[in-house]
Amino acid sequence: IGTRSRELIAALDEIVWAINPKNDTLPSLATYLCQYAKNFLNPAQIACRLAVDPELPDLPLAAEQRHGLFLAFAEALHNAVSHSGAGEVRVGIAFEAGAIHLSVSDNGRGMPGGDPAFGADGLVNMQERLAQLGGSCRISNPPGGGTEVAFHLPLPASPPHGR
């Protein structure tokens, strides 16, 4: 009952965060993603290393951008916990050349070659989610092992929704 209660509270927290317009900024997104990663990885006994650009601009984000990035990010963390066998996950957040750069890297066994298993839609979902936002998702096995999921989302020069 305790575990289920904590899961429900976490789900409610995500909903409240997702619909609150005061969170529609890049720094707010970065703060939430870092806290979420720590809370998600800790019970799995996976170390969480954060590398967040301290100079993130206070840029507005559309709720759709913020929520879409969060869902893709959560899927990347879920995959790392469920499939990688990693002992450490690194989260990187930066803003450069007019785009958000978000990465989730692990020190696990890496992605297997070949086609994904039947029902393994998470990788495709992350790529489609970012494409719908006008961004991209790259999934790779970097030299040295593990898996890296890199999200790239250009932000428009003018604030979303006329802000």
N, C-alpha and C. Protein backbone atom coordinates (compact mmCIF):
# COMPACT_ATOMS: atom_id res chain seq x y z
N ILE A 1 0.84 -1.19 0.00
CA ILE A 1 0.00 0.00 0.00
C ILE A 1 0.88 1.25 0.00
N GLY A 2 1.97 1.20 0.78
CA GLY A 2 2.87 2.34 0.83
C GLY A 2 3.50 2.65 -0.51
N THR A 3 3.96 1.60 -1.20
CA THR A 3 4.58 1.80 -2.52
C THR A 3 3.57 2.37 -3.50
N ARG A 4 2.37 1.82 -3.52
CA ARG A 4 1.33 2.31 -4.43
C ARG A 4 0.96 3.75 -4.11
N SER A 5 0.91 4.10 -2.84
CA SER A 5 0.61 5.48 -2.44
C SER A 5 1.68 6.44 -2.94
N ARG A 6 2.96 6.05 -2.79
CA ARG A 6 4.05 6.91 -3.29
C ARG A 6 3.97 7.06 -4.81
N GLU A 7 3.63 5.99 -5.51
CA GLU A 7 3.50 6.07 -6.97
C GLU A 7 2.37 7.02 -7.37
N LEU A 8 1.24 6.95 -6.66
CA LEU A 8 0.12 7.83 -6.96
C LEU A 8 0.45 9.28 -6.65
N ILE A 9 1.16 9.53 -5.57
CA ILE A 9 1.57 10.90 -5.23
C ILE A 9 2.52 11.44 -6.29
N ALA A 10 3.46 10.60 -6.75
CA ALA A 10 4.39 11.03 -7.80
C ALA A 10 3.63 11.34 -9.09
N ALA A 11 2.66 10.51 -9.44
CA ALA A 11 1.87 10.75 -10.66
C ALA A 11 1.08 12.05 -10.54
N LEU A 12 0.51 12.30 -9.38
CA LEU A 12 -0.24 13.53 -9.16
C LEU A 12 0.69 14.75 -9.24
N ASP A 13 1.89 14.62 -8.67
CA ASP A 13 2.88 15.70 -8.75
C ASP A 13 3.22 16.02 -10.20
N GLU A 14 3.38 14.99 -11.03
CA GLU A 14 3.68 15.20 -12.45
C GLU A 14 2.55 15.95 -13.14
N ILE A 15 1.31 15.58 -12.83
CA ILE A 15 0.16 16.24 -13.46
C ILE A 15 0.10 17.71 -13.05
N VAL A 16 0.25 17.98 -11.76
CA VAL A 16 0.21 19.36 -11.27
C VAL A 16 1.32 20.18 -11.92
N TRP A 17 2.54 19.61 -11.97
CA TRP A 17 3.65 20.32 -12.60
C TRP A 17 3.37 20.58 -14.07
N ALA A 18 2.82 19.59 -14.76
CA ALA A 18 2.60 19.70 -16.20
C ALA A 18 1.59 20.78 -16.57
N ILE A 19 0.60 21.02 -15.71
CA ILE A 19 -0.44 21.99 -16.08
C ILE A 19 -0.21 23.38 -15.48
N ASN A 20 0.80 23.54 -14.65
CA ASN A 20 1.05 24.83 -14.00
C ASN A 20 1.86 25.73 -14.93
N PRO A 21 1.26 26.82 -15.44
CA PRO A 21 1.96 27.67 -16.40
C PRO A 21 3.19 28.39 -15.84
N LYS A 22 3.31 28.50 -14.51
CA LYS A 22 4.51 29.14 -13.96
C LYS A 22 5.75 28.31 -14.21
N ASN A 23 5.57 27.05 -14.60
CA ASN A 23 6.70 26.16 -14.89
C ASN A 23 7.13 26.22 -16.35
N ASP A 24 6.55 27.10 -17.14
CA ASP A 24 6.83 27.17 -18.57
C ASP A 24 8.10 27.97 -18.88
N THR A 25 9.19 27.65 -18.18
CA THR A 25 10.48 28.27 -18.46
C THR A 25 11.55 27.19 -18.51
N LEU A 26 12.63 27.47 -19.19
CA LEU A 26 13.74 26.53 -19.29
C LEU A 26 14.35 26.20 -17.92
N PRO A 27 14.64 27.18 -17.06
CA PRO A 27 15.19 26.83 -15.74
C PRO A 27 14.24 25.96 -14.90
N SER A 28 12.95 26.23 -14.98
CA SER A 28 11.99 25.42 -14.23
C SER A 28 12.00 23.98 -14.75
N LEU A 29 12.05 23.82 -16.06
CA LEU A 29 12.13 22.47 -16.65
C LEU A 29 13.39 21.76 -16.17
N ALA A 30 14.52 22.44 -16.21
CA ALA A 30 15.78 21.82 -15.80
C ALA A 30 15.73 21.38 -14.33
N THR A 31 15.20 22.24 -13.47
CA THR A 31 15.09 21.90 -12.05
C THR A 31 14.21 20.67 -11.85
N TYR A 32 13.09 20.64 -12.54
CA TYR A 32 12.17 19.51 -12.39
C TYR A 32 12.79 18.22 -12.92
N LEU A 33 13.43 18.28 -14.07
CA LEU A 33 14.04 17.08 -14.64
C LEU A 33 15.13 16.52 -13.73
N CYS A 34 15.93 17.38 -13.14
CA CYS A 34 16.99 16.92 -12.22
C CYS A 34 16.40 16.25 -11.00
N GLN A 35 15.40 16.87 -10.41
CA GLN A 35 14.76 16.28 -9.23
C GLN A 35 14.09 14.96 -9.59
N TYR A 36 13.43 14.93 -10.72
CA TYR A 36 12.76 13.70 -11.17
C TYR A 36 13.79 12.57 -11.36
N ALA A 37 14.91 12.89 -12.01
CA ALA A 37 15.94 11.88 -12.25
C ALA A 37 16.46 11.32 -10.94
N LYS A 38 16.78 12.18 -9.99
CA LYS A 38 17.28 11.71 -8.69
C LYS A 38 16.26 10.82 -8.00
N ASN A 39 15.00 11.24 -7.98
CA ASN A 39 13.95 10.47 -7.33
C ASN A 39 13.68 9.14 -8.03
N PHE A 40 13.85 9.10 -9.35
CA PHE A 40 13.60 7.89 -10.12
C PHE A 40 14.75 6.89 -10.00
N LEU A 41 15.97 7.39 -10.01
CA LEU A 41 17.14 6.51 -10.01
C LEU A 41 17.52 6.01 -8.62
N ASN A 42 17.24 6.80 -7.60
CA ASN A 42 17.64 6.42 -6.24
C ASN A 42 17.07 5.06 -5.81
N PRO A 43 15.77 4.80 -5.97
CA PRO A 43 15.26 3.49 -5.54
C PRO A 43 15.87 2.32 -6.31
N ALA A 44 16.34 2.57 -7.52
CA ALA A 44 16.97 1.53 -8.33
C ALA A 44 18.45 1.37 -7.99
N GLN A 45 18.92 2.17 -7.04
CA GLN A 45 20.33 2.16 -6.60
C GLN A 45 21.27 2.42 -7.78
N ILE A 46 20.88 3.40 -8.59
CA ILE A 46 21.71 3.86 -9.71
C ILE A 46 22.14 5.29 -9.40
N ALA A 47 23.44 5.53 -9.44
CA ALA A 47 23.96 6.87 -9.18
C ALA A 47 23.48 7.84 -10.25
N CYS A 48 23.16 9.04 -9.85
CA CYS A 48 22.70 10.08 -10.78
C CYS A 48 23.72 11.21 -10.78
N ARG A 49 24.29 11.49 -11.93
CA ARG A 49 25.24 12.59 -12.10
C ARG A 49 24.58 13.66 -12.96
N LEU A 50 24.56 14.89 -12.46
CA LEU A 50 23.90 15.99 -13.17
C LEU A 50 24.93 16.97 -13.70
N ALA A 51 24.77 17.36 -14.94
CA ALA A 51 25.61 18.39 -15.56
C ALA A 51 24.66 19.40 -16.20
N VAL A 52 24.35 20.44 -15.45
CA VAL A 52 23.40 21.45 -15.91
C VAL A 52 24.15 22.76 -16.11
N ASP A 53 23.96 23.34 -17.28
CA ASP A 53 24.57 24.63 -17.58
C ASP A 53 24.07 25.66 -16.57
N PRO A 54 24.96 26.26 -15.78
CA PRO A 54 24.52 27.23 -14.78
C PRO A 54 24.02 28.53 -15.40
N GLU A 55 24.25 28.71 -16.66
CA GLU A 55 23.84 29.93 -17.36
C GLU A 55 22.60 29.72 -18.22
N LEU A 56 21.72 28.78 -17.86
CA LEU A 56 20.51 28.58 -18.65
C LEU A 56 19.71 29.87 -18.69
N PRO A 57 19.35 30.33 -19.89
CA PRO A 57 18.56 31.57 -19.98
C PRO A 57 17.13 31.34 -19.50
N ASP A 58 16.54 32.37 -18.98
CA ASP A 58 15.16 32.30 -18.48
C ASP A 58 14.19 32.43 -19.65
N LEU A 59 14.22 31.43 -20.52
CA LEU A 59 13.39 31.45 -21.72
C LEU A 59 12.04 30.80 -21.47
N PRO A 60 10.99 31.35 -22.05
CA PRO A 60 9.69 30.71 -21.92
C PRO A 60 9.60 29.48 -22.83
N LEU A 61 8.86 28.48 -22.39
CA LEU A 61 8.58 27.28 -23.18
C LEU A 61 7.07 27.12 -23.28
N ALA A 62 6.62 26.59 -24.39
CA ALA A 62 5.21 26.23 -24.49
C ALA A 62 4.99 25.00 -23.62
N ALA A 63 3.81 24.89 -23.04
CA ALA A 63 3.49 23.74 -22.20
C ALA A 63 3.71 22.44 -22.97
N GLU A 64 3.41 22.42 -24.26
CA GLU A 64 3.59 21.22 -25.08
C GLU A 64 5.07 20.84 -25.18
N GLN A 65 5.93 21.84 -25.31
CA GLN A 65 7.37 21.58 -25.36
C GLN A 65 7.86 20.99 -24.05
N ARG A 66 7.49 21.62 -22.97
CA ARG A 66 7.91 21.19 -21.64
C ARG A 66 7.42 19.78 -21.35
N HIS A 67 6.15 19.52 -21.61
CA HIS A 67 5.58 18.22 -21.32
C HIS A 67 6.15 17.14 -22.25
N GLY A 68 6.31 17.47 -23.53
CA GLY A 68 6.89 16.50 -24.47
C GLY A 68 8.32 16.12 -24.12
N LEU A 69 9.12 17.11 -23.76
CA LEU A 69 10.49 16.83 -23.33
C LEU A 69 10.49 15.97 -22.07
N PHE A 70 9.62 16.30 -21.13
CA PHE A 70 9.56 15.51 -19.90
C PHE A 70 9.21 14.06 -20.19
N LEU A 71 8.21 13.82 -21.02
CA LEU A 71 7.80 12.44 -21.30
C LEU A 71 8.91 11.65 -21.99
N ALA A 72 9.61 12.28 -22.92
CA ALA A 72 10.73 11.61 -23.59
C ALA A 72 11.85 11.34 -22.60
N PHE A 73 12.15 12.30 -21.76
CA PHE A 73 13.18 12.17 -20.73
C PHE A 73 12.84 11.02 -19.77
N ALA A 74 11.59 10.97 -19.32
CA ALA A 74 11.16 9.91 -18.41
C ALA A 74 11.30 8.54 -19.07
N GLU A 75 11.01 8.46 -20.35
CA GLU A 75 11.17 7.19 -21.08
C GLU A 75 12.64 6.78 -21.15
N ALA A 76 13.52 7.75 -21.37
CA ALA A 76 14.95 7.44 -21.42
C ALA A 76 15.44 6.93 -20.07
N LEU A 77 14.98 7.54 -18.97
CA LEU A 77 15.36 7.07 -17.64
C LEU A 77 14.80 5.67 -17.38
N HIS A 78 13.56 5.46 -17.76
CA HIS A 78 12.94 4.14 -17.58
C HIS A 78 13.74 3.07 -18.33
N ASN A 79 14.14 3.37 -19.55
CA ASN A 79 14.93 2.40 -20.33
C ASN A 79 16.26 2.11 -19.65
N ALA A 80 16.90 3.14 -19.13
CA ALA A 80 18.19 2.94 -18.46
C ALA A 80 18.03 2.03 -17.25
N VAL A 81 16.99 2.25 -16.45
CA VAL A 81 16.76 1.44 -15.26
C VAL A 81 16.36 0.01 -15.64
N SER A 82 15.49 -0.12 -16.62
CA SER A 82 14.93 -1.43 -16.97
C SER A 82 15.84 -2.31 -17.80
N HIS A 83 16.69 -1.71 -18.65
CA HIS A 83 17.38 -2.52 -19.66
C HIS A 83 18.90 -2.43 -19.66
N SER A 84 19.48 -1.43 -19.01
CA SER A 84 20.92 -1.19 -19.21
C SER A 84 21.84 -1.96 -18.27
N GLY A 85 21.37 -2.26 -17.08
CA GLY A 85 22.27 -2.84 -16.08
C GLY A 85 23.30 -1.83 -15.59
N ALA A 86 23.01 -0.56 -15.76
CA ALA A 86 23.95 0.51 -15.41
C ALA A 86 24.04 0.73 -13.91
N GLY A 87 25.17 1.23 -13.48
CA GLY A 87 25.36 1.66 -12.11
C GLY A 87 25.32 3.17 -11.98
N GLU A 88 25.35 3.87 -13.14
CA GLU A 88 25.36 5.33 -13.14
C GLU A 88 24.64 5.85 -14.38
N VAL A 89 23.86 6.91 -14.18
CA VAL A 89 23.22 7.63 -15.27
C VAL A 89 23.62 9.09 -15.16
N ARG A 90 24.01 9.66 -16.29
CA ARG A 90 24.40 11.06 -16.35
C ARG A 90 23.33 11.84 -17.13
N VAL A 91 22.90 12.95 -16.56
CA VAL A 91 21.92 13.82 -17.19
C VAL A 91 22.61 15.13 -17.52
N GLY A 92 22.51 15.55 -18.76
CA GLY A 92 23.08 16.82 -19.19
C GLY A 92 21.99 17.74 -19.72
N ILE A 93 22.03 19.01 -19.31
CA ILE A 93 21.07 20.00 -19.79
C ILE A 93 21.83 21.27 -20.13
N ALA A 94 21.66 21.72 -21.37
CA ALA A 94 22.33 22.94 -21.80
C ALA A 94 21.45 23.66 -22.82
N PHE A 95 21.76 24.92 -23.03
CA PHE A 95 21.11 25.71 -24.08
C PHE A 95 22.22 26.32 -24.90
N GLU A 96 22.23 25.99 -26.19
CA GLU A 96 23.29 26.46 -27.06
C GLU A 96 22.75 26.65 -28.47
N ALA A 97 23.16 27.69 -29.13
CA ALA A 97 22.77 27.97 -30.51
C ALA A 97 21.25 27.91 -30.71
N GLY A 98 20.51 28.48 -29.75
CA GLY A 98 19.06 28.57 -29.88
C GLY A 98 18.31 27.27 -29.65
N ALA A 99 18.95 26.28 -29.01
CA ALA A 99 18.29 24.99 -28.81
C ALA A 99 18.59 24.42 -27.43
N ILE A 100 17.62 23.68 -26.92
CA ILE A 100 17.81 22.91 -25.69
C ILE A 100 18.50 21.61 -26.07
N HIS A 101 19.53 21.27 -25.31
CA HIS A 101 20.24 20.00 -25.47
C HIS A 101 20.09 19.24 -24.16
N LEU A 102 19.44 18.10 -24.22
CA LEU A 102 19.18 17.29 -23.05
C LEU A 102 19.69 15.89 -23.33
N SER A 103 20.49 15.34 -22.44
CA SER A 103 21.01 13.99 -22.68
C SER A 103 20.86 13.12 -21.44
N VAL A 104 20.69 11.83 -21.70
CA VAL A 104 20.65 10.81 -20.67
C VAL A 104 21.62 9.73 -21.12
N SER A 105 22.70 9.55 -20.36
CA SER A 105 23.74 8.58 -20.71
C SER A 105 23.91 7.61 -19.55
N ASP A 106 24.13 6.35 -19.88
CA ASP A 106 24.37 5.37 -18.82
C ASP A 106 25.66 4.62 -19.10
N ASN A 107 26.14 3.91 -18.09
CA ASN A 107 27.36 3.12 -18.23
C ASN A 107 27.04 1.62 -18.29
N GLY A 108 25.88 1.30 -18.83
CA GLY A 108 25.42 -0.08 -18.91
C GLY A 108 25.94 -0.82 -20.12
N ARG A 109 25.19 -1.83 -20.51
CA ARG A 109 25.64 -2.74 -21.58
C ARG A 109 25.43 -2.22 -23.00
N GLY A 110 24.76 -1.12 -23.17
CA GLY A 110 24.54 -0.58 -24.51
C GLY A 110 23.33 -1.20 -25.19
N MET A 111 22.99 -0.64 -26.32
CA MET A 111 21.83 -1.12 -27.08
C MET A 111 22.23 -2.35 -27.89
N PRO A 112 21.38 -3.38 -27.88
CA PRO A 112 21.68 -4.54 -28.72
C PRO A 112 21.51 -4.18 -30.19
N GLY A 113 22.22 -4.88 -31.04
CA GLY A 113 22.08 -4.65 -32.47
C GLY A 113 20.79 -5.25 -33.00
N GLY A 114 20.45 -4.93 -34.20
CA GLY A 114 19.25 -5.49 -34.83
C GLY A 114 18.01 -4.67 -34.52
N ASP A 115 16.88 -5.22 -34.94
CA ASP A 115 15.60 -4.54 -34.74
C ASP A 115 15.15 -4.65 -33.29
N PRO A 116 14.45 -3.61 -32.80
CA PRO A 116 13.92 -3.69 -31.44
C PRO A 116 12.93 -4.84 -31.31
N ALA A 117 12.80 -5.36 -30.11
CA ALA A 117 11.86 -6.45 -29.85
C ALA A 117 10.43 -5.98 -30.04
N PHE A 118 9.55 -6.92 -30.38
CA PHE A 118 8.13 -6.60 -30.53
C PHE A 118 7.61 -5.97 -29.24
N GLY A 119 6.86 -4.88 -29.38
CA GLY A 119 6.30 -4.20 -28.22
C GLY A 119 7.24 -3.18 -27.60
N ALA A 120 8.48 -3.09 -28.09
CA ALA A 120 9.45 -2.12 -27.56
C ALA A 120 9.29 -0.81 -28.31
N ASP A 121 8.28 -0.05 -27.92
CA ASP A 121 7.94 1.18 -28.63
C ASP A 121 8.59 2.42 -28.05
N GLY A 122 9.25 2.32 -26.90
CA GLY A 122 9.77 3.50 -26.22
C GLY A 122 10.74 4.31 -27.06
N LEU A 123 11.64 3.64 -27.77
CA LEU A 123 12.63 4.37 -28.58
C LEU A 123 11.96 5.15 -29.69
N VAL A 124 11.02 4.50 -30.37
CA VAL A 124 10.28 5.17 -31.44
C VAL A 124 9.45 6.32 -30.88
N ASN A 125 8.83 6.07 -29.72
CA ASN A 125 8.00 7.12 -29.10
C ASN A 125 8.82 8.37 -28.78
N MET A 126 10.04 8.18 -28.25
CA MET A 126 10.89 9.34 -27.95
C MET A 126 11.20 10.11 -29.23
N GLN A 127 11.57 9.40 -30.29
CA GLN A 127 11.92 10.06 -31.54
C GLN A 127 10.72 10.78 -32.14
N GLU A 128 9.55 10.14 -32.12
CA GLU A 128 8.35 10.78 -32.67
C GLU A 128 7.93 11.99 -31.83
N ARG A 129 8.03 11.87 -30.52
CA ARG A 129 7.64 12.98 -29.63
C ARG A 129 8.49 14.22 -29.93
N LEU A 130 9.80 14.04 -30.07
CA LEU A 130 10.67 15.18 -30.37
C LEU A 130 10.43 15.72 -31.77
N ALA A 131 10.19 14.84 -32.73
CA ALA A 131 9.91 15.28 -34.10
C ALA A 131 8.64 16.13 -34.13
N GLN A 132 7.62 15.75 -33.36
CA GLN A 132 6.38 16.53 -33.30
C GLN A 132 6.61 17.92 -32.74
N LEU A 133 7.63 18.06 -31.90
CA LEU A 133 7.96 19.37 -31.32
C LEU A 133 8.90 20.18 -32.21
N GLY A 134 9.38 19.57 -33.30
CA GLY A 134 10.33 20.25 -34.17
C GLY A 134 11.77 19.97 -33.80
N GLY A 135 12.00 18.96 -32.98
CA GLY A 135 13.35 18.63 -32.55
C GLY A 135 13.77 17.26 -33.04
N SER A 136 14.76 16.70 -32.37
CA SER A 136 15.26 15.38 -32.75
C SER A 136 15.71 14.61 -31.52
N CYS A 137 15.80 13.30 -31.70
CA CYS A 137 16.26 12.39 -30.65
C CYS A 137 17.24 11.44 -31.30
N ARG A 138 18.45 11.40 -30.76
CA ARG A 138 19.50 10.50 -31.27
C ARG A 138 19.83 9.50 -30.17
N ILE A 139 19.84 8.23 -30.53
CA ILE A 139 20.15 7.17 -29.58
C ILE A 139 21.39 6.46 -30.09
N SER A 140 22.41 6.35 -29.23
CA SER A 140 23.67 5.77 -29.69
C SER A 140 24.35 4.98 -28.58
N ASN A 141 25.28 4.16 -29.01
CA ASN A 141 26.19 3.45 -28.11
C ASN A 141 27.55 4.14 -28.25
N PRO A 142 27.88 5.04 -27.33
CA PRO A 142 29.14 5.76 -27.46
C PRO A 142 30.35 4.84 -27.21
N PRO A 143 31.52 5.23 -27.72
CA PRO A 143 32.72 4.45 -27.43
C PRO A 143 32.91 4.35 -25.90
N GLY A 144 33.31 3.21 -25.44
CA GLY A 144 33.49 3.03 -24.01
C GLY A 144 32.30 2.36 -23.34
N GLY A 145 31.21 2.17 -24.07
CA GLY A 145 30.06 1.44 -23.54
C GLY A 145 28.91 2.31 -23.13
N GLY A 146 27.83 1.65 -22.80
CA GLY A 146 26.63 2.34 -22.37
C GLY A 146 25.77 2.80 -23.54
N THR A 147 24.78 3.58 -23.19
CA THR A 147 23.85 4.14 -24.17
C THR A 147 23.69 5.62 -23.89
N GLU A 148 23.56 6.41 -24.95
CA GLU A 148 23.29 7.83 -24.81
C GLU A 148 22.05 8.18 -25.61
N VAL A 149 21.12 8.86 -24.96
CA VAL A 149 19.94 9.40 -25.63
C VAL A 149 20.09 10.92 -25.59
N ALA A 150 20.13 11.53 -26.76
CA ALA A 150 20.34 12.99 -26.85
C ALA A 150 19.13 13.63 -27.51
N PHE A 151 18.52 14.56 -26.79
CA PHE A 151 17.38 15.32 -27.31
C PHE A 151 17.86 16.71 -27.69
N HIS A 152 17.37 17.19 -28.83
CA HIS A 152 17.74 18.51 -29.34
C HIS A 152 16.43 19.19 -29.72
N LEU A 153 16.15 20.33 -29.10
CA LEU A 153 14.91 21.04 -29.40
C LEU A 153 15.19 22.52 -29.63
N PRO A 154 15.15 22.95 -30.90
CA PRO A 154 15.30 24.38 -31.19
C PRO A 154 14.11 25.16 -30.61
N LEU A 155 14.41 26.32 -30.08
CA LEU A 155 13.35 27.19 -29.58
C LEU A 155 13.18 28.35 -30.54
N PRO A 156 11.93 28.76 -30.77
CA PRO A 156 11.70 29.89 -31.67
C PRO A 156 12.28 31.17 -31.08
N ALA A 157 12.61 32.11 -31.96
CA ALA A 157 13.18 33.37 -31.52
C ALA A 157 12.18 34.17 -30.70
N SER A 158 10.88 34.03 -31.02
CA SER A 158 9.86 34.75 -30.25
C SER A 158 9.22 33.80 -29.24
N PRO A 159 8.79 34.33 -28.11
CA PRO A 159 8.19 33.49 -27.08
C PRO A 159 6.95 32.78 -27.58
N PRO A 160 6.69 31.54 -27.11
CA PRO A 160 5.48 30.84 -27.52
C PRO A 160 4.23 31.48 -26.96
N HIS A 161 3.14 31.30 -27.64
CA HIS A 161 1.82 31.76 -27.21
C HIS A 161 1.78 33.26 -26.93
N GLY A 162 2.54 34.04 -27.69
CA GLY A 162 2.48 35.49 -27.61
C GLY A 162 2.98 36.09 -26.33
N ARG A 163 3.80 35.37 -25.58
CA ARG A 163 4.33 35.94 -24.32
C ARG A 163 5.45 36.89 -24.60
